[in-house]
Amino acid sequence: MRQQKKLTVTAKKSLDLVPEIIRLLEAGEVIILPTDHTYAFVAHAFNREGLSKIRTLKQWDTPSPLGIFTIQEKAEEVVVVTPASRRMMAEFPYPVTMIMRKQKQVLDELTGGFKNLLIICPDQFIYDLVEAVPFPMACASASISAEIVKVTTFDVAASVYDGKVPLIVDGGRCKYGRSGTLVDFTVEVPTILKYGPVSVDDLRPILPEIILPSHLMK
């Protein structure tokens, strides 16, 4: 017997979708949402079935930590908040990806066995969604790799993942089309590890102490 193809619903980006998003994530499903970075797989952060489905869709064969969409007021549900990271999250939404220490109750399936999580809130839609959804949301870029599948438009998301997820939300073309500037908050001084949409000069008013590792210094 052939497996029936899953029906994928598409809808324009709107907070009217919140009840359906909650229903699907609580059922262990993975959905695809637009962000200013890229389109993203999203699952309930404490649902093992959903987390496993993200890893399958990403085609990961090695352990990797997932991200969490969150805001300052909810971050302590999943990560250890420091004074520096609190200052950064006060600027959310903002195109950075923050490396932070996980809380003890966070599932190993979420971290891939690592001690850290990636904290992300790139745009107002994600910010408002985090406020409305009563549980943390795990996320990962819907891109497989920059060379194989780069998902920065709704058309690409719909063509690649039709029949593989129950919902794809249409946000058009992503504003940046790449991941946020990566900043490590698990070290003594916040450190930029990878450049993205914002530079060290953009971040200094927020984090005057921020530094660059040697490989990024010129």
C-alpha atoms as a PDB file:
ATOM      1  CA  MET A   1       0.000   0.000   0.000  1.00  0.00           C
ATOM      2  CA  ARG A   2       1.360   3.428  -0.956  1.00  0.00           C
ATOM      3  CA  GLN A   3       1.556   6.015   1.815  1.00  0.00           C
ATOM      4  CA  GLN A   4      -0.888   8.854   1.251  1.00  0.00           C
ATOM      5  CA  LYS A   5       0.734  12.237   0.720  1.00  0.00           C
ATOM      6  CA  LYS A   6       0.172  14.652   3.604  1.00  0.00           C
ATOM      7  CA  LEU A   7      -1.963  17.662   2.753  1.00  0.00           C
ATOM      8  CA  THR A   8      -0.120  20.966   3.079  1.00  0.00           C
ATOM      9  CA  VAL A   9      -2.138  24.103   3.755  1.00  0.00           C
ATOM     10  CA  THR A  10      -0.673  27.507   2.904  1.00  0.00           C
ATOM     11  CA  ALA A  11      -1.769  30.798   4.429  1.00  0.00           C
ATOM     12  CA  LYS A  12      -0.657  34.411   4.430  1.00  0.00           C
ATOM     13  CA  LYS A  13       1.310  35.571   7.472  1.00  0.00           C
ATOM     14  CA  SER A  14      -1.150  36.649  10.171  1.00  0.00           C
ATOM     15  CA  LEU A  15      -1.631  36.312  13.918  1.00  0.00           C
ATOM     16  CA  ASP A  16      -5.077  34.928  13.081  1.00  0.00           C
ATOM     17  CA  LEU A  17      -3.187  31.665  12.519  1.00  0.00           C
ATOM     18  CA  VAL A  18      -2.179  31.390  16.197  1.00  0.00           C
ATOM     19  CA  PRO A  19      -4.891  28.872  17.238  1.00  0.00           C
ATOM     20  CA  GLU A  20      -4.038  26.579  14.312  1.00  0.00           C
ATOM     21  CA  ILE A  21      -0.307  26.914  14.948  1.00  0.00           C
ATOM     22  CA  ILE A  22      -0.818  25.949  18.604  1.00  0.00           C
ATOM     23  CA  ARG A  23      -3.007  22.989  17.622  1.00  0.00           C
ATOM     24  CA  LEU A  24      -0.489  21.612  15.123  1.00  0.00           C
ATOM     25  CA  LEU A  25       2.555  22.046  17.354  1.00  0.00           C
ATOM     26  CA  GLU A  26       0.800  20.452  20.337  1.00  0.00           C
ATOM     27  CA  ALA A  27       0.007  17.492  18.062  1.00  0.00           C
ATOM     28  CA  GLY A  28       3.725  16.954  17.378  1.00  0.00           C
ATOM     29  CA  GLU A  29       3.723  18.471  13.902  1.00  0.00           C
ATOM     30  CA  VAL A  30       6.344  20.663  12.241  1.00  0.00           C
ATOM     31  CA  ILE A  31       5.270  23.782  10.388  1.00  0.00           C
ATOM     32  CA  ILE A  32       7.196  26.279   8.264  1.00  0.00           C
ATOM     33  CA  LEU A  33       7.141  29.966   9.190  1.00  0.00           C
ATOM     34  CA  PRO A  34       8.721  32.992   7.478  1.00  0.00           C
ATOM     35  CA  THR A  35      11.306  35.074   9.317  1.00  0.00           C
ATOM     36  CA  ASP A  36      13.472  37.996   8.301  1.00  0.00           C
ATOM     37  CA  HIS A  37      16.398  35.518   8.170  1.00  0.00           C
ATOM     38  CA  THR A  38      15.064  32.490   6.269  1.00  0.00           C
ATOM     39  CA  TYR A  39      11.988  30.291   6.339  1.00  0.00           C
ATOM     40  CA  ALA A  40      12.125  28.077   9.421  1.00  0.00           C
ATOM     41  CA  PHE A  41      10.939  24.683  10.603  1.00  0.00           C
ATOM     42  CA  VAL A  42       9.087  25.129  13.903  1.00  0.00           C
ATOM     43  CA  ALA A  43       8.006  22.559  16.510  1.00  0.00           C
ATOM     44  CA  HIS A  44       6.905  22.480  20.150  1.00  0.00           C
ATOM     45  CA  ALA A  45      10.172  22.668  22.103  1.00  0.00           C
ATOM     46  CA  PHE A  46       9.054  20.037  24.622  1.00  0.00           C
ATOM     47  CA  ASN A  47       7.489  17.599  22.140  1.00  0.00           C
ATOM     48  CA  ARG A  48       9.948  14.843  21.214  1.00  0.00           C
ATOM     49  CA  GLU A  49       7.975  13.817  18.124  1.00  0.00           C
ATOM     50  CA  GLY A  50       8.101  17.324  16.676  1.00  0.00           C
ATOM     51  CA  LEU A  51      11.808  17.725  17.449  1.00  0.00           C
ATOM     52  CA  SER A  52      12.563  14.414  15.756  1.00  0.00           C
ATOM     53  CA  LYS A  53      10.627  15.508  12.661  1.00  0.00           C
ATOM     54  CA  ILE A  54      12.711  18.692  12.380  1.00  0.00           C
ATOM     55  CA  ARG A  55      15.917  16.639  12.410  1.00  0.00           C
ATOM     56  CA  THR A  56      14.510  14.339   9.716  1.00  0.00           C
ATOM     57  CA  LEU A  57      13.505  17.274   7.530  1.00  0.00           C
ATOM     58  CA  LYS A  58      16.939  18.872   8.013  1.00  0.00           C
ATOM     59  CA  GLN A  59      18.579  15.577   6.976  1.00  0.00           C
ATOM     60  CA  TRP A  60      20.957  15.831   9.908  1.00  0.00           C
ATOM     61  CA  ASP A  61      23.148  12.800  10.521  1.00  0.00           C
ATOM     62  CA  THR A  62      25.211  14.380  13.327  1.00  0.00           C
ATOM     63  CA  PRO A  63      24.033  15.999  16.596  1.00  0.00           C
ATOM     64  CA  SER A  64      23.207  19.691  16.241  1.00  0.00           C
ATOM     65  CA  PRO A  65      21.412  22.092  18.592  1.00  0.00           C
ATOM     66  CA  LEU A  66      18.090  23.564  17.531  1.00  0.00           C
ATOM     67  CA  GLY A  67      17.142  27.188  18.033  1.00  0.00           C
ATOM     68  CA  ILE A  68      14.397  28.648  20.188  1.00  0.00           C
ATOM     69  CA  PHE A  69      12.161  31.544  19.247  1.00  0.00           C
ATOM     70  CA  THR A  70      11.772  33.559  22.433  1.00  0.00           C
ATOM     71  CA  ILE A  71      11.659  37.026  23.966  1.00  0.00           C
ATOM     72  CA  GLN A  72      13.217  38.516  27.087  1.00  0.00           C
ATOM     73  CA  GLU A  73      10.170  37.872  29.260  1.00  0.00           C
ATOM     74  CA  LYS A  74      10.097  34.133  28.421  1.00  0.00           C
ATOM     75  CA  ALA A  75      13.758  33.295  27.877  1.00  0.00           C
ATOM     76  CA  GLU A  76      14.348  31.843  31.338  1.00  0.00           C
ATOM     77  CA  GLU A  77      12.006  28.977  30.450  1.00  0.00           C
ATOM     78  CA  VAL A  78      14.826  27.522  28.357  1.00  0.00           C
ATOM     79  CA  VAL A  79      18.133  29.365  28.931  1.00  0.00           C
ATOM     80  CA  VAL A  80      20.242  30.931  31.667  1.00  0.00           C
ATOM     81  CA  VAL A  81      19.943  34.707  31.294  1.00  0.00           C
ATOM     82  CA  THR A  82      22.964  36.900  32.084  1.00  0.00           C
ATOM     83  CA  PRO A  83      23.056  40.710  32.383  1.00  0.00           C
ATOM     84  CA  ALA A  84      24.666  41.003  28.935  1.00  0.00           C
ATOM     85  CA  SER A  85      22.175  38.659  27.265  1.00  0.00           C
ATOM     86  CA  ARG A  86      19.304  40.509  28.939  1.00  0.00           C
ATOM     87  CA  ARG A  87      20.529  43.768  27.386  1.00  0.00           C
ATOM     88  CA  MET A  88      20.628  42.097  23.986  1.00  0.00           C
ATOM     89  CA  MET A  89      17.150  40.607  24.295  1.00  0.00           C
ATOM     90  CA  ALA A  90      15.785  44.006  25.342  1.00  0.00           C
ATOM     91  CA  GLU A  91      16.403  45.002  21.700  1.00  0.00           C
ATOM     92  CA  PHE A  92      14.268  42.164  20.281  1.00  0.00           C
ATOM     93  CA  PRO A  93      13.192  41.805  17.580  1.00  0.00           C
ATOM     94  CA  TYR A  94      16.748  42.032  16.270  1.00  0.00           C
ATOM     95  CA  PRO A  95      18.741  40.081  13.625  1.00  0.00           C
ATOM     96  CA  VAL A  96      21.138  38.271  15.971  1.00  0.00           C
ATOM     97  CA  THR A  97      21.455  34.633  16.964  1.00  0.00           C
ATOM     98  CA  MET A  98      22.483  34.261  20.597  1.00  0.00           C
ATOM     99  CA  ILE A  99      24.366  31.244  21.971  1.00  0.00           C
ATOM    100  CA  MET A 100      23.201  30.745  25.581  1.00  0.00           C
ATOM    101  CA  ARG A 101      23.423  28.088  28.303  1.00  0.00           C
ATOM    102  CA  LYS A 102      20.373  25.833  28.438  1.00  0.00           C
ATOM    103  CA  GLN A 103      18.253  25.285  31.524  1.00  0.00           C
ATOM    104  CA  LYS A 104      18.443  21.818  33.101  1.00  0.00           C
ATOM    105  CA  GLN A 105      14.870  20.890  32.138  1.00  0.00           C
ATOM    106  CA  VAL A 106      15.517  21.353  28.410  1.00  0.00           C
ATOM    107  CA  LEU A 107      15.285  18.092  26.438  1.00  0.00           C
ATOM    108  CA  ASP A 108      18.467  16.564  25.021  1.00  0.00           C
ATOM    109  CA  GLU A 109      16.579  16.207  21.739  1.00  0.00           C
ATOM    110  CA  LEU A 110      16.473  20.000  21.605  1.00  0.00           C
ATOM    111  CA  THR A 111      20.169  20.565  22.221  1.00  0.00           C
ATOM    112  CA  GLY A 112      21.611  17.595  20.345  1.00  0.00           C
ATOM    113  CA  GLY A 113      23.485  16.737  23.520  1.00  0.00           C
ATOM    114  CA  PHE A 114      25.169  20.141  23.768  1.00  0.00           C
ATOM    115  CA  LYS A 115      24.963  22.502  26.760  1.00  0.00           C
ATOM    116  CA  ASN A 116      23.854  25.481  24.703  1.00  0.00           C
ATOM    117  CA  LEU A 117      20.864  26.714  22.723  1.00  0.00           C
ATOM    118  CA  LEU A 118      20.465  29.235  19.930  1.00  0.00           C
ATOM    119  CA  ILE A 119      18.089  32.058  20.873  1.00  0.00           C
ATOM    120  CA  ILE A 120      16.406  33.897  17.999  1.00  0.00           C
ATOM    121  CA  CYS A 121      13.778  36.629  17.555  1.00  0.00           C
ATOM    122  CA  PRO A 122      14.449  38.312  14.216  1.00  0.00           C
ATOM    123  CA  ASP A 123      11.210  40.168  13.446  1.00  0.00           C
ATOM    124  CA  GLN A 124       7.922  41.488  14.816  1.00  0.00           C
ATOM    125  CA  PHE A 125       5.822  38.550  13.570  1.00  0.00           C
ATOM    126  CA  ILE A 126       7.975  36.063  15.505  1.00  0.00           C
ATOM    127  CA  TYR A 127       7.985  38.367  18.549  1.00  0.00           C
ATOM    128  CA  ASP A 128       4.181  38.582  18.547  1.00  0.00           C
ATOM    129  CA  LEU A 129       3.864  34.839  17.973  1.00  0.00           C
ATOM    130  CA  VAL A 130       6.101  34.070  20.973  1.00  0.00           C
ATOM    131  CA  GLU A 131       3.878  36.298  23.112  1.00  0.00           C
ATOM    132  CA  ALA A 132       0.756  34.448  21.946  1.00  0.00           C
ATOM    133  CA  VAL A 133       1.923  30.810  22.049  1.00  0.00           C
ATOM    134  CA  PRO A 134       1.902  29.288  25.581  1.00  0.00           C
ATOM    135  CA  PHE A 135       4.989  27.087  25.123  1.00  0.00           C
ATOM    136  CA  PRO A 136       8.527  27.527  23.728  1.00  0.00           C
ATOM    137  CA  MET A 137       8.970  26.956  20.001  1.00  0.00           C
ATOM    138  CA  ALA A 138      11.991  25.128  18.621  1.00  0.00           C
ATOM    139  CA  CYS A 139      13.243  26.221  15.231  1.00  0.00           C
ATOM    140  CA  ALA A 140      15.771  25.504  12.512  1.00  0.00           C
ATOM    141  CA  SER A 141      16.315  27.012   9.107  1.00  0.00           C
ATOM    142  CA  ALA A 142      14.270  25.274   6.423  1.00  0.00           C
ATOM    143  CA  SER A 143      17.356  25.448   4.208  1.00  0.00           C
ATOM    144  CA  ILE A 144      19.212  22.140   3.871  1.00  0.00           C
ATOM    145  CA  SER A 145      22.403  23.969   2.953  1.00  0.00           C
ATOM    146  CA  ALA A 146      23.251  27.073   0.983  1.00  0.00           C
ATOM    147  CA  GLU A 147      24.224  24.862  -1.953  1.00  0.00           C
ATOM    148  CA  ILE A 148      21.364  22.338  -1.918  1.00  0.00           C
ATOM    149  CA  VAL A 149      18.151  24.082  -0.780  1.00  0.00           C
ATOM    150  CA  LYS A 150      18.190  27.730   0.325  1.00  0.00           C
ATOM    151  CA  VAL A 151      14.676  28.627   1.469  1.00  0.00           C
ATOM    152  CA  THR A 152      14.355  32.411   1.519  1.00  0.00           C
ATOM    153  CA  THR A 153      11.065  32.788  -0.393  1.00  0.00           C
ATOM    154  CA  PHE A 154       7.599  31.330   0.009  1.00  0.00           C
ATOM    155  CA  ASP A 155       7.683  29.892  -3.523  1.00  0.00           C
ATOM    156  CA  VAL A 156      10.770  27.805  -2.717  1.00  0.00           C
ATOM    157  CA  ALA A 157       9.321  26.674   0.619  1.00  0.00           C
ATOM    158  CA  ALA A 158       6.076  25.595  -1.041  1.00  0.00           C
ATOM    159  CA  SER A 159       7.767  23.784  -3.924  1.00  0.00           C
ATOM    160  CA  VAL A 160      10.241  21.868  -1.731  1.00  0.00           C
ATOM    161  CA  TYR A 161       8.049  21.006   1.253  1.00  0.00           C
ATOM    162  CA  ASP A 162       4.570  20.560  -0.213  1.00  0.00           C
ATOM    163  CA  GLY A 163       3.216  17.324   1.241  1.00  0.00           C
ATOM    164  CA  LYS A 164       5.934  17.132   3.918  1.00  0.00           C
ATOM    165  CA  VAL A 165       4.495  19.528   6.520  1.00  0.00           C
ATOM    166  CA  PRO A 166       0.871  20.428   7.312  1.00  0.00           C
ATOM    167  CA  LEU A 167       1.260  24.227   7.175  1.00  0.00           C
ATOM    168  CA  ILE A 168       3.501  26.699   5.334  1.00  0.00           C
ATOM    169  CA  VAL A 169       2.960  30.361   6.163  1.00  0.00           C
ATOM    170  CA  ASP A 170       3.530  32.819   3.334  1.00  0.00           C
ATOM    171  CA  GLY A 171       5.707  35.794   4.239  1.00  0.00           C
ATOM    172  CA  GLY A 172       7.000  36.449   0.731  1.00  0.00           C
ATOM    173  CA  ARG A 173      10.751  36.978   0.409  1.00  0.00           C
ATOM    174  CA  CYS A 174      12.880  37.058   3.566  1.00  0.00           C
ATOM    175  CA  LYS A 175      14.323  40.486   4.384  1.00  0.00           C
ATOM    176  CA  TYR A 176      17.910  39.339   4.948  1.00  0.00           C
ATOM    177  CA  GLY A 177      18.047  35.892   3.355  1.00  0.00           C
ATOM    178  CA  ARG A 178      20.704  34.683   5.782  1.00  0.00           C
ATOM    179  CA  SER A 179      21.118  33.837   9.450  1.00  0.00           C
ATOM    180  CA  GLY A 180      21.581  36.497  12.112  1.00  0.00           C
ATOM    181  CA  THR A 181      24.912  37.744  13.404  1.00  0.00           C
ATOM    182  CA  LEU A 182      26.082  34.975  15.760  1.00  0.00           C
ATOM    183  CA  VAL A 183      27.038  36.134  19.266  1.00  0.00           C
ATOM    184  CA  ASP A 184      28.289  33.831  22.024  1.00  0.00           C
ATOM    185  CA  PHE A 185      26.962  34.728  25.488  1.00  0.00           C
ATOM    186  CA  THR A 186      28.359  31.632  27.217  1.00  0.00           C
ATOM    187  CA  VAL A 187      31.854  33.153  27.498  1.00  0.00           C
ATOM    188  CA  GLU A 188      33.063  35.829  29.905  1.00  0.00           C
ATOM    189  CA  VAL A 189      32.739  38.612  27.334  1.00  0.00           C
ATOM    190  CA  PRO A 190      30.087  38.457  24.561  1.00  0.00           C
ATOM    191  CA  THR A 191      31.885  37.499  21.346  1.00  0.00           C
ATOM    192  CA  ILE A 192      30.829  37.721  17.713  1.00  0.00           C
ATOM    193  CA  LEU A 193      31.516  34.376  16.050  1.00  0.00           C
ATOM    194  CA  LYS A 194      30.005  35.008  12.626  1.00  0.00           C
ATOM    195  CA  TYR A 195      28.898  38.123  10.799  1.00  0.00           C
ATOM    196  CA  GLY A 196      25.292  38.538   9.669  1.00  0.00           C
ATOM    197  CA  PRO A 197      22.995  41.522   9.043  1.00  0.00           C
ATOM    198  CA  VAL A 198      24.439  43.600  11.918  1.00  0.00           C
ATOM    199  CA  SER A 199      28.083  44.495  12.543  1.00  0.00           C
ATOM    200  CA  VAL A 200      30.195  44.931  15.643  1.00  0.00           C
ATOM    201  CA  ASP A 201      29.689  48.693  15.310  1.00  0.00           C
ATOM    202  CA  ASP A 202      25.915  48.178  15.343  1.00  0.00           C
ATOM    203  CA  LEU A 203      26.192  46.098  18.513  1.00  0.00           C
ATOM    204  CA  ARG A 204      28.596  48.278  20.530  1.00  0.00           C
ATOM    205  CA  PRO A 205      25.899  50.719  21.748  1.00  0.00           C
ATOM    206  CA  ILE A 206      24.064  47.707  23.221  1.00  0.00           C
ATOM    207  CA  LEU A 207      27.100  45.668  24.283  1.00  0.00           C
ATOM    208  CA  PRO A 208      30.086  48.023  24.713  1.00  0.00           C
ATOM    209  CA  GLU A 209      32.231  45.120  25.893  1.00  0.00           C
ATOM    210  CA  ILE A 210      31.617  42.929  22.819  1.00  0.00           C
ATOM    211  CA  ILE A 211      34.724  41.549  21.098  1.00  0.00           C
ATOM    212  CA  LEU A 212      35.701  39.732  17.926  1.00  0.00           C
ATOM    213  CA  PRO A 213      37.657  36.482  17.870  1.00  0.00           C
ATOM    214  CA  SER A 214      41.063  36.648  16.190  1.00  0.00           C
ATOM    215  CA  HIS A 215      39.864  35.163  12.903  1.00  0.00           C
ATOM    216  CA  LEU A 216      37.431  38.074  12.422  1.00  0.00           C
ATOM    217  CA  MET A 217      39.863  40.841  13.357  1.00  0.00           C
ATOM    218  CA  LYS A 218      41.384  42.797  10.489  1.00  0.00           C
END
